[in-house]
Amino acid sequence: MGKRLLLLFAPAMDDTEIVQQQEMIRQSQSGIEERGLEVLELVPGGNAATLREDLLRKFGVEAGSYTLLLLGKDGLEKYRSPKATPLEEVFKIIDQMPMRRQEMRKQD
């Protein structure tokens, strides 16, 4: 089973939206770990720059603008936003997914 992925597409590392997003991510580290979420920075110079071209095409993302994509463990798109998104929003979406509900039941 794959991981949940948060894909961050931006034209540059100093793009306003990705800078804001990275700050939100830093503040939500425990929630990210709890949900097994992996963050990929699909930005020239980012931690997943080599995957950028393929994923831009695969998900039809505009290369010149910021896009946040949430992928479920099934590899399918669950959420897309054109701007920096509070992680609480992302967590709410994840927590409504059937697989995440199973995980939460197992933890109880």
N, C-alpha and C. Protein backbone atom coordinates (compact mmCIF):
# COMPACT_ATOMS: atom_id res chain seq x y z
N MET A 1 0.85 -1.19 0.00
CA MET A 1 0.00 0.00 0.00
C MET A 1 0.89 1.24 0.00
N GLY A 2 0.54 2.20 -0.83
CA GLY A 2 1.36 3.41 -0.93
C GLY A 2 1.19 4.33 0.27
N LYS A 3 1.80 5.46 0.17
CA LYS A 3 1.67 6.48 1.21
C LYS A 3 0.69 7.53 0.74
N ARG A 4 0.20 8.31 1.68
CA ARG A 4 -0.53 9.51 1.29
C ARG A 4 0.50 10.55 0.91
N LEU A 5 0.27 11.23 -0.18
CA LEU A 5 1.24 12.22 -0.65
C LEU A 5 0.61 13.60 -0.72
N LEU A 6 1.40 14.57 -0.30
CA LEU A 6 1.03 15.97 -0.48
C LEU A 6 2.02 16.51 -1.50
N LEU A 7 1.52 16.78 -2.70
CA LEU A 7 2.39 17.26 -3.77
C LEU A 7 2.29 18.78 -3.83
N LEU A 8 3.44 19.43 -3.75
CA LEU A 8 3.48 20.89 -3.83
C LEU A 8 4.19 21.27 -5.11
N PHE A 9 3.44 21.83 -6.04
CA PHE A 9 4.02 22.29 -7.31
C PHE A 9 4.18 23.80 -7.23
N ALA A 10 5.35 24.30 -7.58
CA ALA A 10 5.54 25.75 -7.63
C ALA A 10 6.63 26.04 -8.65
N PRO A 11 6.57 27.23 -9.27
CA PRO A 11 7.58 27.56 -10.29
C PRO A 11 8.97 27.80 -9.69
N ALA A 12 9.04 28.16 -8.39
CA ALA A 12 10.32 28.42 -7.74
C ALA A 12 10.18 28.27 -6.23
N MET A 13 11.30 28.00 -5.54
CA MET A 13 11.27 27.80 -4.10
C MET A 13 10.90 29.09 -3.36
N ASP A 14 11.06 30.25 -3.99
CA ASP A 14 10.71 31.50 -3.31
C ASP A 14 9.30 31.98 -3.69
N ASP A 15 8.55 31.13 -4.38
CA ASP A 15 7.15 31.44 -4.69
C ASP A 15 6.39 31.66 -3.37
N THR A 16 5.63 32.74 -3.30
CA THR A 16 4.94 33.12 -2.06
C THR A 16 4.12 31.98 -1.48
N GLU A 17 3.37 31.29 -2.35
CA GLU A 17 2.46 30.24 -1.87
C GLU A 17 3.23 29.09 -1.24
N ILE A 18 4.33 28.66 -1.88
CA ILE A 18 5.05 27.50 -1.32
C ILE A 18 5.77 27.89 -0.04
N VAL A 19 6.23 29.12 0.04
CA VAL A 19 6.87 29.59 1.28
C VAL A 19 5.85 29.54 2.43
N GLN A 20 4.64 30.03 2.17
CA GLN A 20 3.57 29.97 3.19
C GLN A 20 3.24 28.52 3.53
N GLN A 21 3.16 27.68 2.50
CA GLN A 21 2.80 26.27 2.72
C GLN A 21 3.85 25.58 3.58
N GLN A 22 5.13 25.83 3.30
CA GLN A 22 6.20 25.20 4.07
C GLN A 22 6.11 25.59 5.54
N GLU A 23 5.75 26.84 5.80
CA GLU A 23 5.60 27.31 7.18
C GLU A 23 4.44 26.55 7.86
N MET A 24 3.32 26.40 7.14
CA MET A 24 2.17 25.66 7.69
C MET A 24 2.56 24.21 7.97
N ILE A 25 3.37 23.64 7.09
CA ILE A 25 3.81 22.25 7.25
C ILE A 25 4.70 22.12 8.48
N ARG A 26 5.60 23.07 8.65
CA ARG A 26 6.48 23.04 9.84
C ARG A 26 5.67 23.06 11.13
N GLN A 27 4.58 23.79 11.12
CA GLN A 27 3.76 23.91 12.33
C GLN A 27 2.85 22.69 12.54
N SER A 28 2.77 21.80 11.58
CA SER A 28 1.82 20.68 11.67
C SER A 28 2.53 19.33 11.57
N GLN A 29 3.79 19.28 11.94
CA GLN A 29 4.60 18.06 11.77
C GLN A 29 3.95 16.83 12.41
N SER A 30 3.41 16.97 13.63
CA SER A 30 2.88 15.78 14.31
C SER A 30 1.66 15.23 13.57
N GLY A 31 0.80 16.13 13.08
CA GLY A 31 -0.38 15.68 12.32
C GLY A 31 0.01 15.00 11.02
N ILE A 32 1.08 15.50 10.41
CA ILE A 32 1.58 14.92 9.16
C ILE A 32 2.08 13.49 9.42
N GLU A 33 2.87 13.34 10.48
CA GLU A 33 3.41 12.01 10.81
C GLU A 33 2.30 11.05 11.20
N GLU A 34 1.36 11.52 11.99
CA GLU A 34 0.26 10.69 12.45
C GLU A 34 -0.53 10.11 11.27
N ARG A 35 -0.64 10.86 10.20
CA ARG A 35 -1.42 10.42 9.04
C ARG A 35 -0.55 9.78 7.95
N GLY A 36 0.72 9.58 8.23
CA GLY A 36 1.60 8.94 7.25
C GLY A 36 1.68 9.72 5.95
N LEU A 37 1.72 11.04 6.08
CA LEU A 37 1.70 11.91 4.91
C LEU A 37 3.12 12.26 4.51
N GLU A 38 3.44 12.08 3.25
CA GLU A 38 4.75 12.46 2.75
C GLU A 38 4.60 13.70 1.87
N VAL A 39 5.44 14.69 2.12
CA VAL A 39 5.37 15.95 1.39
C VAL A 39 6.45 15.97 0.32
N LEU A 40 6.05 16.16 -0.93
CA LEU A 40 7.00 16.25 -2.03
C LEU A 40 6.95 17.66 -2.61
N GLU A 41 8.11 18.30 -2.63
CA GLU A 41 8.22 19.64 -3.19
C GLU A 41 8.63 19.52 -4.66
N LEU A 42 7.64 19.64 -5.52
CA LEU A 42 7.86 19.48 -6.97
C LEU A 42 8.15 20.84 -7.56
N VAL A 43 9.32 21.32 -7.19
CA VAL A 43 9.77 22.67 -7.52
C VAL A 43 11.20 22.54 -7.99
N PRO A 44 11.62 23.32 -9.00
CA PRO A 44 13.03 23.28 -9.35
C PRO A 44 13.86 23.52 -8.08
N GLY A 45 14.71 22.56 -7.71
CA GLY A 45 15.51 22.68 -6.50
C GLY A 45 14.85 22.07 -5.27
N GLY A 46 13.62 21.56 -5.42
CA GLY A 46 12.92 20.96 -4.28
C GLY A 46 13.34 19.51 -4.06
N ASN A 47 12.77 18.87 -3.01
CA ASN A 47 13.20 17.52 -2.65
C ASN A 47 12.72 16.46 -3.65
N ALA A 48 11.85 16.84 -4.58
CA ALA A 48 11.36 15.87 -5.56
C ALA A 48 11.39 16.48 -6.97
N ALA A 49 12.36 17.37 -7.20
CA ALA A 49 12.43 18.10 -8.48
C ALA A 49 12.49 17.16 -9.69
N THR A 50 13.14 15.99 -9.52
CA THR A 50 13.31 15.06 -10.65
C THR A 50 11.98 14.46 -11.10
N LEU A 51 11.01 14.40 -10.21
CA LEU A 51 9.69 13.83 -10.55
C LEU A 51 8.76 14.87 -11.16
N ARG A 52 9.18 16.14 -11.11
CA ARG A 52 8.27 17.25 -11.41
C ARG A 52 7.61 17.15 -12.79
N GLU A 53 8.42 16.97 -13.83
CA GLU A 53 7.86 16.98 -15.19
C GLU A 53 6.81 15.90 -15.37
N ASP A 54 7.12 14.68 -14.92
CA ASP A 54 6.18 13.57 -15.06
C ASP A 54 4.87 13.86 -14.35
N LEU A 55 4.98 14.38 -13.11
CA LEU A 55 3.77 14.60 -12.32
C LEU A 55 2.99 15.81 -12.80
N LEU A 56 3.67 16.82 -13.32
CA LEU A 56 2.95 17.96 -13.93
C LEU A 56 2.03 17.43 -15.02
N ARG A 57 2.58 16.55 -15.87
CA ARG A 57 1.79 15.98 -16.97
C ARG A 57 0.70 15.07 -16.45
N LYS A 58 1.08 14.16 -15.54
CA LYS A 58 0.14 13.16 -15.06
C LYS A 58 -1.11 13.81 -14.46
N PHE A 59 -0.93 14.90 -13.70
CA PHE A 59 -2.07 15.51 -13.01
C PHE A 59 -2.56 16.79 -13.69
N GLY A 60 -1.97 17.11 -14.86
CA GLY A 60 -2.43 18.28 -15.60
C GLY A 60 -2.26 19.58 -14.82
N VAL A 61 -1.10 19.72 -14.18
CA VAL A 61 -0.84 20.91 -13.38
C VAL A 61 -0.11 21.95 -14.23
N GLU A 62 -0.48 23.19 -14.06
CA GLU A 62 0.13 24.32 -14.76
C GLU A 62 1.51 24.60 -14.15
N ALA A 63 2.57 24.51 -14.97
CA ALA A 63 3.95 24.60 -14.46
C ALA A 63 4.28 25.96 -13.85
N GLY A 64 3.62 27.01 -14.33
CA GLY A 64 3.98 28.35 -13.89
C GLY A 64 3.26 28.87 -12.66
N SER A 65 2.47 28.02 -12.01
CA SER A 65 1.73 28.50 -10.86
C SER A 65 1.78 27.48 -9.73
N TYR A 66 1.37 27.90 -8.54
CA TYR A 66 1.37 27.01 -7.37
C TYR A 66 0.15 26.10 -7.41
N THR A 67 0.37 24.83 -7.09
CA THR A 67 -0.74 23.89 -6.93
C THR A 67 -0.40 22.91 -5.82
N LEU A 68 -1.35 22.70 -4.93
CA LEU A 68 -1.22 21.67 -3.90
C LEU A 68 -2.15 20.53 -4.30
N LEU A 69 -1.62 19.30 -4.28
CA LEU A 69 -2.44 18.12 -4.57
C LEU A 69 -2.29 17.14 -3.42
N LEU A 70 -3.41 16.59 -2.98
CA LEU A 70 -3.40 15.53 -2.00
C LEU A 70 -3.75 14.23 -2.70
N LEU A 71 -2.88 13.23 -2.57
CA LEU A 71 -3.15 11.91 -3.14
C LEU A 71 -3.38 10.93 -2.00
N GLY A 72 -4.39 10.09 -2.16
CA GLY A 72 -4.66 9.04 -1.18
C GLY A 72 -3.68 7.90 -1.36
N LYS A 73 -3.77 6.91 -0.46
CA LYS A 73 -2.89 5.74 -0.55
C LYS A 73 -3.12 4.96 -1.84
N ASP A 74 -4.29 5.18 -2.46
CA ASP A 74 -4.60 4.52 -3.73
C ASP A 74 -3.96 5.25 -4.92
N GLY A 75 -3.27 6.37 -4.63
CA GLY A 75 -2.61 7.12 -5.70
C GLY A 75 -3.54 8.06 -6.45
N LEU A 76 -4.79 8.15 -6.03
CA LEU A 76 -5.74 9.01 -6.72
C LEU A 76 -5.83 10.37 -6.04
N GLU A 77 -6.13 11.37 -6.86
CA GLU A 77 -6.25 12.74 -6.36
C GLU A 77 -7.48 12.88 -5.47
N LYS A 78 -7.28 13.45 -4.27
CA LYS A 78 -8.38 13.64 -3.31
C LYS A 78 -8.71 15.11 -3.14
N TYR A 79 -7.75 15.97 -3.43
CA TYR A 79 -7.95 17.40 -3.18
C TYR A 79 -6.91 18.17 -3.98
N ARG A 80 -7.32 19.36 -4.44
CA ARG A 80 -6.43 20.22 -5.22
C ARG A 80 -6.72 21.66 -4.83
N SER A 81 -5.65 22.45 -4.66
CA SER A 81 -5.83 23.86 -4.33
C SER A 81 -4.80 24.71 -5.05
N PRO A 82 -5.20 25.89 -5.53
CA PRO A 82 -4.28 26.78 -6.23
C PRO A 82 -3.54 27.71 -5.28
N LYS A 83 -3.75 27.52 -3.96
CA LYS A 83 -3.02 28.38 -3.02
C LYS A 83 -2.63 27.61 -1.77
N ALA A 84 -1.74 28.20 -0.99
CA ALA A 84 -1.31 27.58 0.26
C ALA A 84 -2.55 27.25 1.09
N THR A 85 -2.58 26.04 1.63
CA THR A 85 -3.77 25.52 2.30
C THR A 85 -3.42 25.12 3.73
N PRO A 86 -4.19 25.60 4.71
CA PRO A 86 -3.92 25.18 6.10
C PRO A 86 -3.98 23.66 6.21
N LEU A 87 -3.06 23.09 6.94
CA LEU A 87 -2.99 21.64 7.07
C LEU A 87 -4.24 21.08 7.74
N GLU A 88 -4.90 21.89 8.56
CA GLU A 88 -6.15 21.44 9.19
C GLU A 88 -7.15 21.02 8.11
N GLU A 89 -7.20 21.79 7.03
CA GLU A 89 -8.10 21.46 5.91
C GLU A 89 -7.74 20.10 5.31
N VAL A 90 -6.44 19.93 5.07
CA VAL A 90 -5.95 18.69 4.48
C VAL A 90 -6.24 17.52 5.42
N PHE A 91 -6.00 17.71 6.72
CA PHE A 91 -6.23 16.64 7.70
C PHE A 91 -7.71 16.25 7.75
N LYS A 92 -8.60 17.25 7.64
CA LYS A 92 -10.04 16.97 7.66
C LYS A 92 -10.40 16.04 6.52
N ILE A 93 -9.85 16.33 5.35
CA ILE A 93 -10.14 15.51 4.16
C ILE A 93 -9.61 14.09 4.37
N ILE A 94 -8.36 14.00 4.86
CA ILE A 94 -7.76 12.68 5.10
C ILE A 94 -8.59 11.91 6.13
N ASP A 95 -8.99 12.59 7.20
CA ASP A 95 -9.68 11.90 8.29
C ASP A 95 -11.06 11.38 7.88
N GLN A 96 -11.58 11.87 6.74
CA GLN A 96 -12.87 11.37 6.25
C GLN A 96 -12.70 10.17 5.30
N MET A 97 -11.45 9.87 4.94
CA MET A 97 -11.22 8.76 4.01
C MET A 97 -11.43 7.43 4.74
N PRO A 98 -12.04 6.45 4.07
CA PRO A 98 -12.31 5.15 4.70
C PRO A 98 -11.06 4.49 5.29
N MET A 99 -9.94 4.55 4.56
CA MET A 99 -8.73 3.89 5.07
C MET A 99 -8.23 4.56 6.34
N ARG A 100 -8.32 5.88 6.39
CA ARG A 100 -7.88 6.62 7.58
C ARG A 100 -8.79 6.30 8.76
N ARG A 101 -10.08 6.14 8.50
CA ARG A 101 -11.01 5.79 9.58
C ARG A 101 -10.63 4.44 10.18
N GLN A 102 -10.25 3.48 9.33
CA GLN A 102 -9.81 2.16 9.81
C GLN A 102 -8.57 2.32 10.69
N GLU A 103 -7.63 3.15 10.22
CA GLU A 103 -6.39 3.36 10.99
C GLU A 103 -6.71 3.93 12.38
N MET A 104 -7.63 4.89 12.41
CA MET A 104 -7.98 5.54 13.67
C MET A 104 -8.66 4.55 14.61
N ARG A 105 -9.48 3.66 14.05
CA ARG A 105 -10.15 2.64 14.89
C ARG A 105 -9.10 1.70 15.49
N LYS A 106 -8.10 1.33 14.70
CA LYS A 106 -7.04 0.44 15.19
C LYS A 106 -6.26 1.09 16.32
N GLN A 107 -6.11 2.41 16.29
CA GLN A 107 -5.33 3.11 17.32
C GLN A 107 -6.07 3.16 18.66
N ASP A 108 -7.41 3.12 18.61
CA ASP A 108 -8.17 3.26 19.86
C ASP A 108 -7.96 2.08 20.80
